[in-house]
Protein backbone atom coordinates (compact mmCIF):
# COMPACT_ATOMS: atom_id res chain seq x y z
CA MET A 1 62.74 107.07 69.72
CA GLY A 2 64.67 105.98 66.69
CA ILE A 3 65.77 102.43 66.05
CA LEU A 4 69.47 103.25 66.56
CA ALA A 5 68.76 104.85 69.93
CA TRP A 6 66.60 101.85 70.85
CA VAL A 7 69.43 99.43 70.04
CA ALA A 8 72.02 101.60 71.82
CA LEU A 9 69.86 101.79 74.95
CA PHE A 10 69.39 98.03 74.99
CA LEU A 11 73.13 97.46 74.55
CA ALA A 12 73.91 99.83 77.43
CA CYS A 13 71.39 98.06 79.67
CA SER A 14 72.76 94.68 78.59
CA LEU A 15 76.26 95.74 79.58
CA PHE A 16 75.00 96.68 83.04
CA TRP A 17 72.97 93.48 83.57
CA GLY A 18 75.81 91.38 82.14
CA TRP A 19 78.25 92.99 84.55
CA LEU A 20 75.94 92.14 87.44
CA VAL A 21 75.43 88.53 86.36
CA PHE A 22 78.81 87.56 84.89
CA GLY A 23 81.32 90.25 85.84
CA GLY A 24 81.21 90.19 89.61
CA GLY A 25 79.04 93.27 89.91
CA ALA A 26 76.54 91.56 92.20
CA ASP A 27 79.33 90.59 94.61
CA TRP A 28 80.66 94.13 94.55
CA LEU A 29 77.23 95.69 95.19
CA GLU A 30 76.04 93.18 97.79
CA GLY A 31 74.87 94.95 100.93
CA SER A 32 75.82 98.42 99.74
CA PHE A 33 73.71 101.56 99.54
CA LEU A 34 74.67 101.81 95.86
CA ALA A 35 72.76 98.58 95.15
CA GLY A 36 69.62 100.34 96.29
CA LEU A 37 70.28 103.19 93.89
CA VAL A 38 71.19 101.32 90.73
CA VAL A 39 69.43 97.94 91.05
CA HIS A 40 66.34 98.15 93.28
CA VAL A 41 65.38 99.90 96.49
CA ARG A 42 65.34 96.60 98.40
CA ALA A 43 68.57 95.31 96.87
CA THR A 44 70.54 96.52 99.89
CA ALA A 45 69.18 93.51 101.81
CA TRP A 46 69.69 90.98 99.02
CA THR A 47 72.58 88.55 98.68
CA ALA A 48 74.71 88.52 95.55
CA GLU A 49 72.70 85.55 94.29
CA GLY A 50 69.47 87.50 94.80
CA ILE A 51 70.86 90.46 92.86
CA LYS A 52 71.92 88.11 90.06
CA ALA A 53 68.46 86.51 89.94
CA PHE A 54 66.83 89.95 89.75
CA ALA A 55 69.26 91.00 87.02
CA VAL A 56 68.49 87.90 84.93
CA LEU A 57 64.74 88.49 85.21
CA MET A 58 65.08 92.16 84.31
CA TRP A 59 67.38 91.33 81.40
CA LEU A 60 64.89 88.78 80.09
CA GLY A 61 62.03 91.26 80.39
CA GLN A 62 64.03 93.96 78.64
CA ALA A 63 65.00 91.56 75.86
CA ILE A 64 61.33 90.77 75.21
CA TRP A 65 60.47 94.48 75.23
CA PHE A 66 63.43 95.18 72.93
CA VAL A 67 62.17 92.69 70.32
CA ILE A 68 58.66 94.14 70.54
CA GLY A 69 60.14 97.63 70.09
CA LEU A 70 62.05 96.57 66.99
CA PHE A 71 58.75 95.97 65.21
CA SER A 72 56.52 98.54 66.88
CA ARG A 73 57.41 102.24 67.01
CA GLU A 74 54.62 102.83 69.55
CA ALA A 75 56.24 100.38 71.96
CA ARG A 76 59.44 102.44 71.86
CA LEU A 77 57.50 105.52 72.92
CA VAL A 78 55.93 104.02 76.06
CA GLY A 79 57.12 105.94 79.09
CA LEU A 80 58.44 108.96 77.21
């Protein structure tokens, strides 16, 4: 994966996680079947605060992986 695609993918993911944490997305998804599809299978039973906590942890993990991928082409290819 090229560096531009890597950055674009991270920005798209960041928009999603940011919407969940800051934009009211967690409140909107709380208790819905859609939460299980787009967040986590067990997210249907989570409160909005639980969804936000999960989103922050995932965002942090993706940010670390993003920085690693900026310097290592092999890291960008994991999972492809």
